[in-house]
Amino acid sequence: MISLAARVYRETRKKHDQVFNRYFMRPLAAVLVAALTRTRVTPNQVTLLGLGVFVVATGMFVGLPGWIGGLAAVAVLELSYCLDCVDGMLARFKSLASKEGHLFDFFTDELKAVLLVAALAVRAWRMGGFGVDGRRWEAGDARFLLAGIAGVVVVASAVSLTTFMRHPEISGRAATVEAHYETIDAKPMAGVARIGGTLVTFLRFLNHYPSHLWLWALFGHLETYLWLWMALNGIYLARGWIGLARRFARN
């Protein structure tokens, strides 16, 4: 089992992966993939299971408004994310990757993003915490719910922007089946490119909630991450719209 898991890990690593994935989540996922390779479980079934587990996690964020509850909810969310790694790794390892499966996986990720921002906002409303102004807002403060509405709009709009930009007619690149089999083949960067790459990596890390959401739960301030995540998605959305406005205003 261990040797098979090591092989799965080597053969299914992706380009430009998150550090959290590379050294923590994908090794765990590789063990699950090794256990599933000889079964009839399909990648799409794993995707559905991961979505179901994520829904449970968001329900725990809302229903367990305490420090222990927050940690438990994050633990279940991380299990869901592990399954999110498993589905793609299983597809690549068994040569089952497809454009349809990739789109379905991305669609479920969209749902998760919207569910998470809504759940964190309702949790903050139930518990209280730091507001966007840096002051403490008490439990029951309606501003948390208003922030949740704004967060859902921002995150959903950012996801829609990504979907739009991925269309071949917009990106100019056709999504091939082979693209979903990509494994690691990174080349070292130097000079300014390395600095820029480091900055992009850091911003991706901040926006990648499975990498560090547990830290915010550990310190008991999940509401603070809500503001950070909304800001990052807002910046991404603004940047994207500036590019689109420049492109389409010429036509």
Protein backbone atom coordinates (compact mmCIF):
# COMPACT_ATOMS: atom_id res chain seq x y z
CA MET A 1 0.00 0.00 0.00
CA ILE A 2 2.76 2.46 0.95
CA SER A 3 4.72 1.80 -2.24
CA LEU A 4 1.58 2.20 -4.34
CA ALA A 5 0.72 5.44 -2.53
CA ALA A 6 4.23 6.74 -3.23
CA ARG A 7 3.79 5.90 -6.90
CA VAL A 8 0.40 7.64 -6.99
CA TYR A 9 1.94 10.72 -5.43
CA ARG A 10 4.82 10.85 -7.93
CA GLU A 11 2.65 10.28 -10.99
CA THR A 12 -0.20 12.65 -10.14
CA ARG A 13 1.56 15.77 -8.86
CA LYS A 14 0.49 18.95 -10.63
CA LYS A 15 2.33 21.97 -11.91
CA HIS A 16 2.31 25.08 -9.72
CA ASP A 17 0.69 23.26 -6.79
CA GLN A 18 0.14 24.81 -3.38
CA VAL A 19 2.83 24.07 -0.78
CA PHE A 20 0.10 22.78 1.54
CA ASN A 21 -1.00 20.35 -1.15
CA ARG A 22 2.47 19.21 -2.11
CA TYR A 23 3.73 18.36 1.35
CA PHE A 24 0.60 17.58 3.33
CA MET A 25 -2.69 17.04 1.55
CA ARG A 26 -1.58 15.17 -1.56
CA PRO A 27 0.47 12.60 0.40
CA LEU A 28 -2.66 11.88 2.45
CA ALA A 29 -4.81 11.81 -0.68
CA ALA A 30 -2.35 9.43 -2.34
CA VAL A 31 -3.03 6.85 0.37
CA LEU A 32 -6.78 7.08 -0.30
CA VAL A 33 -6.22 6.87 -4.06
CA ALA A 34 -4.08 3.76 -3.56
CA ALA A 35 -6.95 2.20 -1.60
CA LEU A 36 -9.46 3.11 -4.32
CA THR A 37 -7.53 2.05 -7.40
CA ARG A 38 -8.77 -1.54 -7.24
CA THR A 39 -12.39 -0.57 -6.55
CA ARG A 40 -15.17 0.56 -8.85
CA VAL A 41 -15.35 4.01 -7.23
CA THR A 42 -15.14 6.72 -9.87
CA PRO A 43 -13.59 10.21 -9.61
CA ASN A 44 -17.02 11.81 -10.08
CA GLN A 45 -18.40 9.81 -7.16
CA VAL A 46 -15.54 11.08 -5.01
CA THR A 47 -16.34 14.63 -6.13
CA LEU A 48 -19.95 14.22 -5.01
CA LEU A 49 -18.86 12.75 -1.68
CA GLY A 50 -16.48 15.67 -1.14
CA LEU A 51 -19.30 18.15 -1.79
CA GLY A 52 -21.52 16.35 0.71
CA VAL A 53 -18.82 16.44 3.37
CA PHE A 54 -18.29 20.15 2.69
CA VAL A 55 -21.99 20.85 3.21
CA VAL A 56 -21.72 19.11 6.58
CA ALA A 57 -18.72 21.32 7.45
CA THR A 58 -20.58 24.54 6.62
CA GLY A 59 -23.50 23.36 8.71
CA MET A 60 -21.08 22.83 11.61
CA PHE A 61 -19.71 26.37 11.21
CA VAL A 62 -23.23 27.69 11.71
CA GLY A 63 -24.52 25.15 14.23
CA LEU A 64 -21.46 24.93 16.51
CA PRO A 65 -20.62 28.53 17.44
CA GLY A 66 -17.68 27.92 19.76
CA TRP A 67 -13.93 27.43 19.68
CA ILE A 68 -14.16 23.63 19.68
CA GLY A 69 -16.97 23.80 17.13
CA GLY A 70 -14.85 25.93 14.83
CA LEU A 71 -11.95 23.50 14.96
CA ALA A 72 -14.27 20.55 14.37
CA ALA A 73 -15.85 22.29 11.38
CA VAL A 74 -12.43 23.03 9.87
CA ALA A 75 -11.39 19.41 10.39
CA VAL A 76 -14.41 18.23 8.40
CA LEU A 77 -13.73 20.88 5.76
CA GLU A 78 -10.16 19.60 5.42
CA LEU A 79 -11.52 16.09 4.92
CA SER A 80 -13.67 17.45 2.12
CA TYR A 81 -10.65 19.13 0.59
CA CYS A 82 -8.67 15.89 0.82
CA LEU A 83 -11.42 14.22 -1.21
CA ASP A 84 -11.21 17.13 -3.65
CA CYS A 85 -7.56 16.18 -4.18
CA VAL A 86 -8.42 12.49 -4.39
CA ASP A 87 -10.85 12.81 -7.30
CA GLY A 88 -8.35 14.46 -9.64
CA MET A 89 -5.46 12.24 -8.57
CA LEU A 90 -7.60 9.14 -9.06
CA ALA A 91 -8.63 10.35 -12.52
CA ARG A 92 -5.05 11.03 -13.56
CA PHE A 93 -3.68 7.80 -12.10
CA LYS A 94 -6.31 5.61 -13.76
CA SER A 95 -6.32 7.69 -17.00
CA LEU A 96 -9.95 8.66 -16.47
CA ALA A 97 -9.53 12.43 -16.64
CA SER A 98 -12.00 14.23 -18.90
CA LYS A 99 -13.13 17.75 -19.64
CA GLU A 100 -16.59 16.90 -18.29
CA GLY A 101 -15.17 15.64 -14.99
CA HIS A 102 -12.91 18.65 -14.69
CA LEU A 103 -15.83 21.04 -15.25
CA PHE A 104 -17.97 19.15 -12.74
CA ASP A 105 -15.19 19.37 -10.17
CA PHE A 106 -14.83 23.11 -10.75
CA PHE A 107 -18.60 23.55 -10.50
CA THR A 108 -18.64 21.91 -7.06
CA ASP A 109 -15.72 24.12 -6.02
CA GLU A 110 -17.83 27.14 -6.99
CA LEU A 111 -20.64 25.94 -4.74
CA LYS A 112 -18.20 25.39 -1.87
CA ALA A 113 -16.81 28.92 -2.12
CA VAL A 114 -20.28 30.49 -1.91
CA LEU A 115 -21.34 28.16 0.91
CA LEU A 116 -18.23 28.95 2.94
CA VAL A 117 -18.53 32.72 2.82
CA ALA A 118 -22.22 32.50 3.76
CA ALA A 119 -21.51 30.08 6.62
CA LEU A 120 -18.68 32.21 8.04
CA ALA A 121 -20.88 35.30 7.96
CA VAL A 122 -23.74 33.58 9.79
CA ARG A 123 -21.26 32.15 12.29
CA ALA A 124 -19.86 35.63 12.94
CA TRP A 125 -23.41 36.95 13.40
CA ARG A 126 -24.07 34.24 16.01
CA MET A 127 -20.76 34.64 17.86
CA GLY A 128 -19.67 38.22 17.32
CA GLY A 129 -16.09 39.20 16.57
CA PHE A 130 -13.95 41.79 14.85
CA GLY A 131 -15.76 43.86 12.27
CA VAL A 132 -14.37 45.23 9.04
CA ASP A 133 -13.55 48.45 10.92
CA GLY A 134 -11.29 46.59 13.36
CA ARG A 135 -13.70 47.04 16.27
CA ARG A 136 -15.57 44.27 18.00
CA TRP A 137 -19.10 43.70 16.77
CA GLU A 138 -21.35 41.94 19.21
CA ALA A 139 -23.27 38.72 18.53
CA GLY A 140 -26.48 39.46 16.66
CA ASP A 141 -25.03 42.49 14.85
CA ALA A 142 -26.84 42.66 11.52
CA ARG A 143 -23.76 44.05 9.84
CA PHE A 144 -22.32 40.53 9.75
CA LEU A 145 -25.35 39.36 7.76
CA LEU A 146 -25.05 42.31 5.39
CA ALA A 147 -21.39 41.45 4.98
CA GLY A 148 -22.41 37.89 4.20
CA ILE A 149 -24.67 39.08 1.39
CA ALA A 150 -21.87 41.25 0.04
CA GLY A 151 -19.43 38.36 0.38
CA VAL A 152 -21.66 35.99 -1.55
CA VAL A 153 -21.98 38.57 -4.35
CA VAL A 154 -18.22 39.17 -4.46
CA VAL A 155 -17.21 35.50 -4.34
CA ALA A 156 -19.89 34.39 -6.80
CA SER A 157 -18.90 37.21 -9.17
CA ALA A 158 -15.22 36.25 -8.89
CA VAL A 159 -16.06 32.63 -9.67
CA SER A 160 -18.20 33.71 -12.63
CA LEU A 161 -15.31 35.85 -13.88
CA THR A 162 -12.96 32.86 -13.72
CA THR A 163 -15.46 30.69 -15.60
CA PHE A 164 -15.86 33.37 -18.25
CA MET A 165 -12.12 33.87 -18.67
CA ARG A 166 -11.57 30.12 -19.09
CA HIS A 167 -13.77 29.92 -22.18
CA PRO A 168 -11.58 29.19 -25.22
CA GLU A 169 -13.22 32.09 -27.07
CA ILE A 170 -11.89 34.45 -24.37
CA SER A 171 -8.64 32.81 -23.30
CA GLY A 172 -7.63 31.79 -26.80
CA ARG A 173 -6.60 28.37 -25.49
CA ALA A 174 -8.64 25.24 -26.03
CA ALA A 175 -9.00 23.02 -22.95
CA THR A 176 -7.75 19.62 -24.02
CA VAL A 177 -8.14 16.34 -22.19
CA GLU A 178 -4.35 16.12 -22.01
CA ALA A 179 -4.27 19.30 -19.93
CA HIS A 180 -5.96 17.46 -17.09
CA TYR A 181 -3.10 14.94 -16.95
CA GLU A 182 -0.45 17.58 -16.29
CA THR A 183 2.19 16.51 -13.80
CA ILE A 184 4.97 18.52 -12.22
CA ASP A 185 7.60 19.84 -14.61
CA ALA A 186 8.55 23.18 -13.09
CA LYS A 187 11.66 25.09 -14.20
CA PRO A 188 13.58 27.35 -11.79
CA MET A 189 13.06 31.10 -12.15
CA ALA A 190 15.60 33.84 -11.57
CA GLY A 191 15.73 37.55 -10.77
CA VAL A 192 12.57 39.61 -11.08
CA ALA A 193 10.59 36.60 -12.25
CA ARG A 194 11.41 34.79 -9.01
CA ILE A 195 10.29 37.76 -6.90
CA GLY A 196 7.07 38.08 -8.86
CA GLY A 197 6.49 34.36 -8.61
CA THR A 198 7.00 34.48 -4.84
CA LEU A 199 4.45 37.30 -4.50
CA VAL A 200 1.90 35.44 -6.61
CA THR A 201 2.50 32.29 -4.58
CA PHE A 202 1.90 34.21 -1.34
CA LEU A 203 -1.35 35.73 -2.62
CA ARG A 204 -2.51 32.30 -3.81
CA PHE A 205 -1.70 30.96 -0.37
CA LEU A 206 -3.82 33.64 1.33
CA ASN A 207 -6.73 32.92 -1.01
CA HIS A 208 -6.40 29.14 -0.60
CA TYR A 209 -8.46 28.64 2.54
CA PRO A 210 -7.66 24.93 3.14
CA SER A 211 -4.00 25.90 3.62
CA HIS A 212 -4.56 28.06 6.66
CA LEU A 213 -8.21 28.30 7.67
CA TRP A 214 -7.34 26.04 10.61
CA LEU A 215 -5.02 28.76 11.95
CA TRP A 216 -7.88 31.26 12.09
CA ALA A 217 -10.00 28.64 13.86
CA LEU A 218 -7.17 27.89 16.29
CA PHE A 219 -7.00 31.56 17.28
CA GLY A 220 -10.80 31.76 17.43
CA HIS A 221 -11.17 34.46 14.77
CA LEU A 222 -12.72 32.89 11.72
CA GLU A 223 -14.58 36.16 11.14
CA THR A 224 -11.24 37.86 10.44
CA TYR A 225 -10.58 35.44 7.62
CA LEU A 226 -14.00 36.32 6.22
CA TRP A 227 -12.84 39.92 5.73
CA LEU A 228 -9.52 38.82 4.27
CA TRP A 229 -11.14 36.42 1.81
CA MET A 230 -13.69 39.00 0.70
CA ALA A 231 -10.90 41.53 0.14
CA LEU A 232 -8.79 39.11 -1.91
CA ASN A 233 -11.74 38.14 -4.08
CA GLY A 234 -12.67 41.80 -4.43
CA ILE A 235 -9.15 42.66 -5.64
CA TYR A 236 -9.23 39.77 -8.10
CA LEU A 237 -12.65 40.86 -9.35
CA ALA A 238 -11.60 44.49 -9.78
CA ARG A 239 -8.43 43.52 -11.60
CA GLY A 240 -10.35 41.20 -13.90
CA TRP A 241 -12.97 43.79 -14.74
CA ILE A 242 -10.33 46.41 -15.52
CA GLY A 243 -8.84 44.01 -18.05
CA LEU A 244 -12.24 43.16 -19.53
CA ALA A 245 -13.22 46.83 -19.75
CA ARG A 246 -10.01 47.65 -21.63
CA ARG A 247 -10.51 44.72 -23.98
CA PHE A 248 -14.18 45.14 -24.81
CA ALA A 249 -14.27 48.94 -24.79
CA ARG A 250 -12.21 48.89 -27.99
CA ASN A 251 -14.87 46.92 -29.89
